[in-house]
Amino acid sequence: MESIPDYKRIYTDLINERHPDKIEAFKAIFSKENFSVLDVITCSNLLTDNTDKSTFTFNQKHRCFDQQSILEILNFQKKYGYNNAQLARHFKLSRNTITKWKKKFI
């Protein structure tokens, strides 16, 4: 069986220990029952907005998306009318990745 990290717990601990002043910004995200990959990206972006970027280095090679997250990203593109380049910039992905996802899932 595939083991998935408990991102909700990881980010809760991180915020409680290092950024207790930002707890209010994360209440809406943590109130969700299911914590998706998009929520992880949102948490990461909220933490890195006002802090030193080197503290939260984010290595693109280690990003992993499940089918549900990929479909959410593609629906986001459709909802906001983004082209592949705009969507890639928004989620910090490769345009080629988005093209491959479209071929596979649409």
PDB file of N, CA and C in Angstrom:
ATOM      1  N   MET A   1       0.838  -1.185   0.000  1.00  0.00           N
ATOM      2  CA  MET A   1       0.000   0.000   0.000  1.00  0.00           C
ATOM      3  C   MET A   1       0.886   1.253   0.000  1.00  0.00           C
ATOM      4  N   GLU A   2       0.467   2.244  -0.713  1.00  0.00           N
ATOM      5  CA  GLU A   2       1.216   3.485  -0.851  1.00  0.00           C
ATOM      6  C   GLU A   2       1.088   4.324   0.417  1.00  0.00           C
ATOM      7  N   SER A   3       2.209   4.763   0.959  1.00  0.00           N
ATOM      8  CA  SER A   3       2.152   5.603   2.143  1.00  0.00           C
ATOM      9  C   SER A   3       2.296   7.060   1.723  1.00  0.00           C
ATOM     10  N   ILE A   4       1.388   7.870   2.190  1.00  0.00           N
ATOM     11  CA  ILE A   4       1.361   9.289   1.862  1.00  0.00           C
ATOM     12  C   ILE A   4       1.693  10.072   3.124  1.00  0.00           C
ATOM     13  N   PRO A   5       2.611  11.024   3.035  1.00  0.00           N
ATOM     14  CA  PRO A   5       2.944  11.818   4.217  1.00  0.00           C
ATOM     15  C   PRO A   5       1.724  12.584   4.720  1.00  0.00           C
ATOM     16  N   ASP A   6       1.658  12.779   6.006  1.00  0.00           N
ATOM     17  CA  ASP A   6       0.570  13.540   6.608  1.00  0.00           C
ATOM     18  C   ASP A   6       0.948  15.020   6.574  1.00  0.00           C
ATOM     19  N   TYR A   7       0.711  15.639   5.425  1.00  0.00           N
ATOM     20  CA  TYR A   7       1.112  17.029   5.225  1.00  0.00           C
ATOM     21  C   TYR A   7       0.408  17.971   6.194  1.00  0.00           C
ATOM     22  N   LYS A   8      -0.819  17.665   6.512  1.00  0.00           N
ATOM     23  CA  LYS A   8      -1.570  18.514   7.430  1.00  0.00           C
ATOM     24  C   LYS A   8      -0.845  18.586   8.777  1.00  0.00           C
ATOM     25  N   ARG A   9      -0.415  17.462   9.261  1.00  0.00           N
ATOM     26  CA  ARG A   9       0.304  17.408  10.541  1.00  0.00           C
ATOM     27  C   ARG A   9       1.679  18.080  10.430  1.00  0.00           C
ATOM     28  N   ILE A  10       2.357  17.855   9.323  1.00  0.00           N
ATOM     29  CA  ILE A  10       3.675  18.454   9.113  1.00  0.00           C
ATOM     30  C   ILE A  10       3.577  19.976   9.130  1.00  0.00           C
ATOM     31  N   TYR A  11       2.648  20.523   8.355  1.00  0.00           N
ATOM     32  CA  TYR A  11       2.514  21.978   8.298  1.00  0.00           C
ATOM     33  C   TYR A  11       1.979  22.547   9.604  1.00  0.00           C
ATOM     34  N   THR A  12       1.100  21.826  10.291  1.00  0.00           N
ATOM     35  CA  THR A  12       0.608  22.287  11.588  1.00  0.00           C
ATOM     36  C   THR A  12       1.763  22.407  12.573  1.00  0.00           C
ATOM     37  N   ASP A  13       2.599  21.387  12.647  1.00  0.00           N
ATOM     38  CA  ASP A  13       3.753  21.423  13.550  1.00  0.00           C
ATOM     39  C   ASP A  13       4.722  22.534  13.167  1.00  0.00           C
ATOM     40  N   LEU A  14       4.982  22.687  11.877  1.00  0.00           N
ATOM     41  CA  LEU A  14       5.896  23.712  11.396  1.00  0.00           C
ATOM     42  C   LEU A  14       5.404  25.104  11.780  1.00  0.00           C
ATOM     43  N   ILE A  15       4.125  25.344  11.578  1.00  0.00           N
ATOM     44  CA  ILE A  15       3.564  26.661  11.873  1.00  0.00           C
ATOM     45  C   ILE A  15       3.542  26.913  13.382  1.00  0.00           C
ATOM     46  N   ASN A  16       3.173  25.908  14.148  1.00  0.00           N
ATOM     47  CA  ASN A  16       3.133  26.079  15.599  1.00  0.00           C
ATOM     48  C   ASN A  16       4.515  26.349  16.185  1.00  0.00           C
ATOM     49  N   GLU A  17       5.537  25.698  15.646  1.00  0.00           N
ATOM     50  CA  GLU A  17       6.886  25.850  16.186  1.00  0.00           C
ATOM     51  C   GLU A  17       7.612  27.084  15.655  1.00  0.00           C
ATOM     52  N   ARG A  18       7.529  27.336  14.358  1.00  0.00           N
ATOM     53  CA  ARG A  18       8.339  28.402  13.761  1.00  0.00           C
ATOM     54  C   ARG A  18       7.588  29.679  13.419  1.00  0.00           C
ATOM     55  N   HIS A  19       6.285  29.572  13.159  1.00  0.00           N
ATOM     56  CA  HIS A  19       5.517  30.740  12.715  1.00  0.00           C
ATOM     57  C   HIS A  19       4.164  30.821  13.422  1.00  0.00           C
ATOM     58  N   PRO A  20       4.146  30.922  14.742  1.00  0.00           N
ATOM     59  CA  PRO A  20       2.844  30.974  15.444  1.00  0.00           C
ATOM     60  C   PRO A  20       2.025  32.215  15.075  1.00  0.00           C
ATOM     61  N   ASP A  21       2.680  33.246  14.552  1.00  0.00           N
ATOM     62  CA  ASP A  21       1.965  34.452  14.151  1.00  0.00           C
ATOM     63  C   ASP A  21       1.127  34.251  12.884  1.00  0.00           C
ATOM     64  N   LYS A  22       1.348  33.162  12.151  1.00  0.00           N
ATOM     65  CA  LYS A  22       0.631  32.916  10.894  1.00  0.00           C
ATOM     66  C   LYS A  22      -0.482  31.882  11.032  1.00  0.00           C
ATOM     67  N   ILE A  23      -0.820  31.486  12.243  1.00  0.00           N
ATOM     68  CA  ILE A  23      -1.830  30.445  12.456  1.00  0.00           C
ATOM     69  C   ILE A  23      -3.171  30.842  11.835  1.00  0.00           C
ATOM     70  N   GLU A  24      -3.550  32.097  11.965  1.00  0.00           N
ATOM     71  CA  GLU A  24      -4.842  32.557  11.443  1.00  0.00           C
ATOM     72  C   GLU A  24      -4.940  32.379   9.928  1.00  0.00           C
ATOM     73  N   ALA A  25      -3.850  32.584   9.223  1.00  0.00           N
ATOM     74  CA  ALA A  25      -3.855  32.475   7.759  1.00  0.00           C
ATOM     75  C   ALA A  25      -4.094  31.035   7.296  1.00  0.00           C
ATOM     76  N   PHE A  26      -3.797  30.074   8.157  1.00  0.00           N
ATOM     77  CA  PHE A  26      -3.900  28.666   7.772  1.00  0.00           C
ATOM     78  C   PHE A  26      -5.162  27.973   8.297  1.00  0.00           C
ATOM     79  N   LYS A  27      -5.975  28.659   9.078  1.00  0.00           N
ATOM     80  CA  LYS A  27      -7.159  28.012   9.659  1.00  0.00           C
ATOM     81  C   LYS A  27      -8.094  27.449   8.598  1.00  0.00           C
ATOM     82  N   ALA A  28      -8.327  28.176   7.531  1.00  0.00           N
ATOM     83  CA  ALA A  28      -9.245  27.713   6.484  1.00  0.00           C
ATOM     84  C   ALA A  28      -8.703  26.460   5.802  1.00  0.00           C
ATOM     85  N   ILE A  29      -7.408  26.432   5.577  1.00  0.00           N
ATOM     86  CA  ILE A  29      -6.807  25.268   4.911  1.00  0.00           C
ATOM     87  C   ILE A  29      -6.843  24.054   5.823  1.00  0.00           C
ATOM     88  N   PHE A  30      -6.521  24.254   7.101  1.00  0.00           N
ATOM     89  CA  PHE A  30      -6.473  23.132   8.031  1.00  0.00           C
ATOM     90  C   PHE A  30      -7.858  22.632   8.434  1.00  0.00           C
ATOM     91  N   SER A  31      -8.896  23.424   8.188  1.00  0.00           N
ATOM     92  CA  SER A  31     -10.242  22.979   8.539  1.00  0.00           C
ATOM     93  C   SER A  31     -10.786  21.960   7.537  1.00  0.00           C
ATOM     94  N   LYS A  32     -10.145  21.829   6.384  1.00  0.00           N
ATOM     95  CA  LYS A  32     -10.575  20.861   5.376  1.00  0.00           C
ATOM     96  C   LYS A  32     -10.329  19.444   5.876  1.00  0.00           C
ATOM     97  N   GLU A  33     -11.221  18.553   5.512  1.00  0.00           N
ATOM     98  CA  GLU A  33     -11.072  17.152   5.908  1.00  0.00           C
ATOM     99  C   GLU A  33      -9.980  16.471   5.077  1.00  0.00           C
ATOM    100  N   ASN A  34      -9.988  16.723   3.764  1.00  0.00           N
ATOM    101  CA  ASN A  34      -8.984  16.139   2.870  1.00  0.00           C
ATOM    102  C   ASN A  34      -7.955  17.198   2.528  1.00  0.00           C
ATOM    103  N   PHE A  35      -6.702  16.866   2.686  1.00  0.00           N
ATOM    104  CA  PHE A  35      -5.599  17.785   2.439  1.00  0.00           C
ATOM    105  C   PHE A  35      -4.942  17.377   1.128  1.00  0.00           C
ATOM    106  N   SER A  36      -5.189  18.125   0.056  1.00  0.00           N
ATOM    107  CA  SER A  36      -4.694  17.752  -1.273  1.00  0.00           C
ATOM    108  C   SER A  36      -3.316  18.348  -1.534  1.00  0.00           C
ATOM    109  N   VAL A  37      -2.743  17.968  -2.654  1.00  0.00           N
ATOM    110  CA  VAL A  37      -1.439  18.488  -3.063  1.00  0.00           C
ATOM    111  C   VAL A  37      -1.534  19.993  -3.307  1.00  0.00           C
ATOM    112  N   LEU A  38      -2.671  20.455  -3.790  1.00  0.00           N
ATOM    113  CA  LEU A  38      -2.841  21.893  -4.008  1.00  0.00           C
ATOM    114  C   LEU A  38      -2.817  22.652  -2.686  1.00  0.00           C
ATOM    115  N   ASP A  39      -3.326  22.043  -1.625  1.00  0.00           N
ATOM    116  CA  ASP A  39      -3.252  22.656  -0.305  1.00  0.00           C
ATOM    117  C   ASP A  39      -1.806  22.735   0.176  1.00  0.00           C
ATOM    118  N   VAL A  40      -1.014  21.733  -0.146  1.00  0.00           N
ATOM    119  CA  VAL A  40       0.407  21.736   0.209  1.00  0.00           C
ATOM    120  C   VAL A  40       1.110  22.887  -0.508  1.00  0.00           C
ATOM    121  N   ILE A  41       0.798  23.070  -1.787  1.00  0.00           N
ATOM    122  CA  ILE A  41       1.393  24.171  -2.551  1.00  0.00           C
ATOM    123  C   ILE A  41       0.971  25.513  -1.952  1.00  0.00           C
ATOM    124  N   THR A  42      -0.300  25.638  -1.588  1.00  0.00           N
ATOM    125  CA  THR A  42      -0.790  26.869  -0.981  1.00  0.00           C
ATOM    126  C   THR A  42      -0.074  27.152   0.328  1.00  0.00           C
ATOM    127  N   CYS A  43       0.075  26.138   1.175  1.00  0.00           N
ATOM    128  CA  CYS A  43       0.781  26.314   2.445  1.00  0.00           C
ATOM    129  C   CYS A  43       2.223  26.742   2.216  1.00  0.00           C
ATOM    130  N   SER A  44       2.871  26.106   1.279  1.00  0.00           N
ATOM    131  CA  SER A  44       4.259  26.443   0.973  1.00  0.00           C
ATOM    132  C   SER A  44       4.373  27.888   0.505  1.00  0.00           C
ATOM    133  N   ASN A  45       3.445  28.310  -0.350  1.00  0.00           N
ATOM    134  CA  ASN A  45       3.468  29.691  -0.840  1.00  0.00           C
ATOM    135  C   ASN A  45       3.188  30.690   0.274  1.00  0.00           C
ATOM    136  N   LEU A  46       2.261  30.373   1.172  1.00  0.00           N
ATOM    137  CA  LEU A  46       1.965  31.268   2.285  1.00  0.00           C
ATOM    138  C   LEU A  46       3.162  31.413   3.220  1.00  0.00           C
ATOM    139  N   LEU A  47       3.879  30.347   3.416  1.00  0.00           N
ATOM    140  CA  LEU A  47       5.045  30.396   4.300  1.00  0.00           C
ATOM    141  C   LEU A  47       6.213  31.148   3.671  1.00  0.00           C
ATOM    142  N   THR A  48       6.376  31.041   2.368  1.00  0.00           N
ATOM    143  CA  THR A  48       7.538  31.652   1.728  1.00  0.00           C
ATOM    144  C   THR A  48       7.304  33.085   1.287  1.00  0.00           C
ATOM    145  N   ASP A  49       6.082  33.591   1.335  1.00  0.00           N
ATOM    146  CA  ASP A  49       5.812  34.960   0.883  1.00  0.00           C
ATOM    147  C   ASP A  49       6.596  35.997   1.670  1.00  0.00           C
ATOM    148  N   ASN A  50       6.571  35.909   2.977  1.00  0.00           N
ATOM    149  CA  ASN A  50       7.174  36.948   3.807  1.00  0.00           C
ATOM    150  C   ASN A  50       8.423  36.477   4.540  1.00  0.00           C
ATOM    151  N   THR A  51       8.980  35.360   4.149  1.00  0.00           N
ATOM    152  CA  THR A  51      10.156  34.851   4.831  1.00  0.00           C
ATOM    153  C   THR A  51      11.304  34.692   3.857  1.00  0.00           C
ATOM    154  N   ASP A  52      12.434  34.328   4.381  1.00  0.00           N
ATOM    155  CA  ASP A  52      13.613  34.100   3.557  1.00  0.00           C
ATOM    156  C   ASP A  52      13.380  32.882   2.675  1.00  0.00           C
ATOM    157  N   LYS A  53      13.529  33.050   1.372  1.00  0.00           N
ATOM    158  CA  LYS A  53      13.281  31.970   0.418  1.00  0.00           C
ATOM    159  C   LYS A  53      14.225  30.789   0.618  1.00  0.00           C
ATOM    160  N   SER A  54      15.440  31.034   1.085  1.00  0.00           N
ATOM    161  CA  SER A  54      16.400  29.945   1.250  1.00  0.00           C
ATOM    162  C   SER A  54      15.990  29.003   2.381  1.00  0.00           C
ATOM    163  N   THR A  55      15.176  29.476   3.318  1.00  0.00           N
ATOM    164  CA  THR A  55      14.724  28.636   4.416  1.00  0.00           C
ATOM    165  C   THR A  55      13.819  27.521   3.918  1.00  0.00           C
ATOM    166  N   PHE A  56      13.027  27.823   2.903  1.00  0.00           N
ATOM    167  CA  PHE A  56      12.072  26.851   2.395  1.00  0.00           C
ATOM    168  C   PHE A  56      12.380  26.522   0.937  1.00  0.00           C
ATOM    169  N   THR A  57      13.530  25.955   0.703  1.00  0.00           N
ATOM    170  CA  THR A  57      13.872  25.608  -0.672  1.00  0.00           C
ATOM    171  C   THR A  57      12.934  24.515  -1.149  1.00  0.00           C
ATOM    172  N   PHE A  58      12.562  24.631  -2.369  1.00  0.00           N
ATOM    173  CA  PHE A  58      11.567  23.710  -2.916  1.00  0.00           C
ATOM    174  C   PHE A  58      12.141  23.098  -4.178  1.00  0.00           C
ATOM    175  N   ASN A  59      12.511  21.848  -4.129  1.00  0.00           N
ATOM    176  CA  ASN A  59      13.156  21.190  -5.244  1.00  0.00           C
ATOM    177  C   ASN A  59      12.100  20.605  -6.182  1.00  0.00           C
ATOM    178  N   GLN A  60      12.084  21.084  -7.401  1.00  0.00           N
ATOM    179  CA  GLN A  60      11.081  20.657  -8.367  1.00  0.00           C
ATOM    180  C   GLN A  60      11.128  19.155  -8.653  1.00  0.00           C
ATOM    181  N   LYS A  61      12.298  18.540  -8.578  1.00  0.00           N
ATOM    182  CA  LYS A  61      12.405  17.121  -8.905  1.00  0.00           C
ATOM    183  C   LYS A  61      11.589  16.245  -7.976  1.00  0.00           C
ATOM    184  N   HIS A  62      11.317  16.721  -6.787  1.00  0.00           N
ATOM    185  CA  HIS A  62      10.644  15.892  -5.794  1.00  0.00           C
ATOM    186  C   HIS A  62       9.146  16.152  -5.692  1.00  0.00           C
ATOM    187  N   ARG A  63       8.606  16.938  -6.614  1.00  0.00           N
ATOM    188  CA  ARG A  63       7.171  17.190  -6.600  1.00  0.00           C
ATOM    189  C   ARG A  63       6.458  16.000  -7.217  1.00  0.00           C
ATOM    190  N   CYS A  64       5.338  15.658  -6.635  1.00  0.00           N
ATOM    191  CA  CYS A  64       4.582  14.503  -7.094  1.00  0.00           C
ATOM    192  C   CYS A  64       3.101  14.856  -7.030  1.00  0.00           C
ATOM    193  N   PHE A  65       2.369  14.558  -8.078  1.00  0.00           N
ATOM    194  CA  PHE A  65       0.950  14.865  -8.131  1.00  0.00           C
ATOM    195  C   PHE A  65       0.161  13.595  -8.388  1.00  0.00           C
ATOM    196  N   ASP A  66      -0.926  13.435  -7.652  1.00  0.00           N
ATOM    197  CA  ASP A  66      -1.810  12.306  -7.913  1.00  0.00           C
ATOM    198  C   ASP A  66      -2.820  12.723  -8.980  1.00  0.00           C
ATOM    199  N   GLN A  67      -3.600  11.774  -9.447  1.00  0.00           N
ATOM    200  CA  GLN A  67      -4.537  12.043 -10.538  1.00  0.00           C
ATOM    201  C   GLN A  67      -5.555  13.111 -10.155  1.00  0.00           C
ATOM    202  N   GLN A  68      -6.038  13.069  -8.931  1.00  0.00           N
ATOM    203  CA  GLN A  68      -7.019  14.054  -8.477  1.00  0.00           C
ATOM    204  C   GLN A  68      -6.436  15.469  -8.532  1.00  0.00           C
ATOM    205  N   SER A  69      -5.200  15.633  -8.111  1.00  0.00           N
ATOM    206  CA  SER A  69      -4.560  16.943  -8.121  1.00  0.00           C
ATOM    207  C   SER A  69      -4.328  17.438  -9.547  1.00  0.00           C
ATOM    208  N   ILE A  70      -3.929  16.536 -10.413  1.00  0.00           N
ATOM    209  CA  ILE A  70      -3.713  16.897 -11.815  1.00  0.00           C
ATOM    210  C   ILE A  70      -5.022  17.387 -12.431  1.00  0.00           C
ATOM    211  N   LEU A  71      -6.107  16.677 -12.158  1.00  0.00           N
ATOM    212  CA  LEU A  71      -7.401  17.090 -12.697  1.00  0.00           C
ATOM    213  C   LEU A  71      -7.843  18.428 -12.111  1.00  0.00           C
ATOM    214  N   GLU A  72      -7.535  18.685 -10.837  1.00  0.00           N
ATOM    215  CA  GLU A  72      -7.855  19.981 -10.231  1.00  0.00           C
ATOM    216  C   GLU A  72      -7.071  21.097 -10.917  1.00  0.00           C
ATOM    217  N   ILE A  73      -5.803  20.854 -11.203  1.00  0.00           N
ATOM    218  CA  ILE A  73      -4.978  21.862 -11.880  1.00  0.00           C
ATOM    219  C   ILE A  73      -5.512  22.122 -13.282  1.00  0.00           C
ATOM    220  N   LEU A  74      -5.881  21.075 -13.996  1.00  0.00           N
ATOM    221  CA  LEU A  74      -6.420  21.257 -15.348  1.00  0.00           C
ATOM    222  C   LEU A  74      -7.787  21.950 -15.308  1.00  0.00           C
ATOM    223  N   ASN A  75      -8.602  21.679 -14.293  1.00  0.00           N
ATOM    224  CA  ASN A  75      -9.869  22.395 -14.138  1.00  0.00           C
ATOM    225  C   ASN A  75      -9.629  23.861 -13.797  1.00  0.00           C
ATOM    226  N   PHE A  76      -8.588  24.137 -13.011  1.00  0.00           N
ATOM    227  CA  PHE A  76      -8.206  25.507 -12.682  1.00  0.00           C
ATOM    228  C   PHE A  76      -7.880  26.258 -13.972  1.00  0.00           C
ATOM    229  N   GLN A  77      -7.168  25.594 -14.873  1.00  0.00           N
ATOM    230  CA  GLN A  77      -6.811  26.200 -16.148  1.00  0.00           C
ATOM    231  C   GLN A  77      -8.065  26.543 -16.940  1.00  0.00           C
ATOM    232  N   LYS A  78      -8.989  25.605 -16.977  1.00  0.00           N
ATOM    233  CA  LYS A  78     -10.228  25.818 -17.733  1.00  0.00           C
ATOM    234  C   LYS A  78     -11.060  26.942 -17.101  1.00  0.00           C
ATOM    235  N   LYS A  79     -11.139  26.962 -15.776  1.00  0.00           N
ATOM    236  CA  LYS A  79     -11.957  27.942 -15.054  1.00  0.00           C
ATOM    237  C   LYS A  79     -11.458  29.367 -15.278  1.00  0.00           C
ATOM    238  N   TYR A  80     -10.139  29.557 -15.246  1.00  0.00           N
ATOM    239  CA  TYR A  80      -9.574  30.897 -15.357  1.00  0.00           C
ATOM    240  C   TYR A  80      -9.069  31.228 -16.762  1.00  0.00           C
ATOM    241  N   GLY A  81      -9.207  30.297 -17.699  1.00  0.00           N
ATOM    242  CA  GLY A  81      -8.841  30.564 -19.087  1.00  0.00           C
ATOM    243  C   GLY A  81      -7.347  30.726 -19.308  1.00  0.00           C
ATOM    244  N   TYR A  82      -6.546  30.056 -18.513  1.00  0.00           N
ATOM    245  CA  TYR A  82      -5.092  30.135 -18.665  1.00  0.00           C
ATOM    246  C   TYR A  82      -4.637  29.272 -19.831  1.00  0.00           C
ATOM    247  N   ASN A  83      -3.592  29.725 -20.506  1.00  0.00           N
ATOM    248  CA  ASN A  83      -2.950  28.843 -21.472  1.00  0.00           C
ATOM    249  C   ASN A  83      -1.902  28.022 -20.708  1.00  0.00           C
ATOM    250  N   ASN A  84      -1.229  27.116 -21.407  1.00  0.00           N
ATOM    251  CA  ASN A  84      -0.281  26.229 -20.723  1.00  0.00           C
ATOM    252  C   ASN A  84       0.867  26.990 -20.058  1.00  0.00           C
ATOM    253  N   ALA A  85       1.350  28.040 -20.704  1.00  0.00           N
ATOM    254  CA  ALA A  85       2.466  28.816 -20.150  1.00  0.00           C
ATOM    255  C   ALA A  85       2.042  29.539 -18.870  1.00  0.00           C
ATOM    256  N   GLN A  86       0.853  30.125 -18.870  1.00  0.00           N
ATOM    257  CA  GLN A  86       0.366  30.825 -17.677  1.00  0.00           C
ATOM    258  C   GLN A  86       0.138  29.861 -16.523  1.00  0.00           C
ATOM    259  N   LEU A  87      -0.438  28.714 -16.831  1.00  0.00           N
ATOM    260  CA  LEU A  87      -0.678  27.704 -15.803  1.00  0.00           C
ATOM    261  C   LEU A  87       0.641  27.182 -15.238  1.00  0.00           C
ATOM    262  N   ALA A  88       1.603  26.971 -16.115  1.00  0.00           N
ATOM    263  CA  ALA A  88       2.921  26.493 -15.694  1.00  0.00           C
ATOM    264  C   ALA A  88       3.575  27.497 -14.755  1.00  0.00           C
ATOM    265  N   ARG A  89       3.491  28.768 -15.075  1.00  0.00           N
ATOM    266  CA  ARG A  89       4.056  29.799 -14.209  1.00  0.00           C
ATOM    267  C   ARG A  89       3.339  29.871 -12.869  1.00  0.00           C
ATOM    268  N   HIS A  90       2.017  29.753 -12.903  1.00  0.00           N
ATOM    269  CA  HIS A  90       1.231  29.854 -11.674  1.00  0.00           C
ATOM    270  C   HIS A  90       1.578  28.746 -10.684  1.00  0.00           C
ATOM    271  N   PHE A  91       1.707  27.518 -11.175  1.00  0.00           N
ATOM    272  CA  PHE A  91       1.983  26.372 -10.303  1.00  0.00           C
ATOM    273  C   PHE A  91       3.459  25.966 -10.296  1.00  0.00           C
ATOM    274  N   LYS A  92       4.300  26.753 -10.962  1.00  0.00           N
ATOM    275  CA  LYS A  92       5.739  26.481 -11.038  1.00  0.00           C
ATOM    276  C   LYS A  92       6.008  25.086 -11.583  1.00  0.00           C
ATOM    277  N   LEU A  93       5.428  24.827 -12.734  1.00  0.00           N
ATOM    278  CA  LEU A  93       5.578  23.555 -13.426  1.00  0.00           C
ATOM    279  C   LEU A  93       6.185  23.795 -14.799  1.00  0.00           C
ATOM    280  N   SER A  94       6.451  22.740 -15.499  1.00  0.00           N
ATOM    281  CA  SER A  94       6.928  22.811 -16.869  1.00  0.00           C
ATOM    282  C   SER A  94       5.732  22.806 -17.815  1.00  0.00           C
ATOM    283  N   ARG A  95       5.863  23.555 -18.906  1.00  0.00           N
ATOM    284  CA  ARG A  95       4.797  23.533 -19.923  1.00  0.00           C
ATOM    285  C   ARG A  95       4.663  22.137 -20.509  1.00  0.00           C
ATOM    286  N   ASN A  96       5.785  21.437 -20.628  1.00  0.00           N
ATOM    287  CA  ASN A  96       5.754  20.078 -21.166  1.00  0.00           C
ATOM    288  C   ASN A  96       4.979  19.140 -20.243  1.00  0.00           C
ATOM    289  N   THR A  97       5.091  19.343 -18.938  1.00  0.00           N
ATOM    290  CA  THR A  97       4.354  18.519 -17.977  1.00  0.00           C
ATOM    291  C   THR A  97       2.858  18.710 -18.170  1.00  0.00           C
ATOM    292  N   ILE A  98       2.440  19.938 -18.324  1.00  0.00           N
ATOM    293  CA  ILE A  98       1.013  20.226 -18.507  1.00  0.00           C
ATOM    294  C   ILE A  98       0.514  19.609 -19.812  1.00  0.00           C
ATOM    295  N   THR A  99       1.322  19.705 -20.860  1.00  0.00           N
ATOM    296  CA  THR A  99       0.945  19.106 -22.142  1.00  0.00           C
ATOM    297  C   THR A  99       0.790  17.597 -22.010  1.00  0.00           C
ATOM    298  N   LYS A 100       1.711  16.955 -21.306  1.00  0.00           N
ATOM    299  CA  LYS A 100       1.624  15.504 -21.096  1.00  0.00           C
ATOM    300  C   LYS A 100       0.380  15.143 -20.300  1.00  0.00           C
ATOM    301  N   TRP A 101       0.075  15.939 -19.279  1.00  0.00           N
ATOM    302  CA  TRP A 101      -1.125  15.681 -18.472  1.00  0.00           C
ATOM    303  C   TRP A 101      -2.374  15.798 -19.332  1.00  0.00           C
ATOM    304  N   LYS A 102      -2.421  16.795 -20.172  1.00  0.00           N
ATOM    305  CA  LYS A 102      -3.594  16.967 -21.038  1.00  0.00           C
ATOM    306  C   LYS A 102      -3.768  15.793 -21.974  1.00  0.00           C
ATOM    307  N   LYS A 103      -2.675  15.311 -22.556  1.00  0.00           N
ATOM    308  CA  LYS A 103      -2.758  14.165 -23.454  1.00  0.00           C
ATOM    309  C   LYS A 103      -3.221  12.913 -22.717  1.00  0.00           C
ATOM    310  N   LYS A 104      -2.790  12.785 -21.485  1.00  0.00           N
ATOM    311  CA  LYS A 104      -3.105  11.575 -20.721  1.00  0.00           C
ATOM    312  C   LYS A 104      -4.496  11.613 -20.096  1.00  0.00           C
ATOM    313  N   PHE A 105      -4.931  12.771 -19.601  1.00  0.00           N
ATOM    314  CA  PHE A 105      -6.169  12.827 -18.818  1.00  0.00           C
ATOM    315  C   PHE A 105      -7.342  13.494 -19.528  1.00  0.00           C
ATOM    316  N   ILE A 106      -7.094  14.145 -20.652  1.00  0.00           N
ATOM    317  CA  ILE A 106      -8.227  14.825 -21.332  1.00  0.00           C
ATOM    318  C   ILE A 106      -8.401  14.221 -22.707  1.00  0.00           C
TER     319      ILE A 106
END
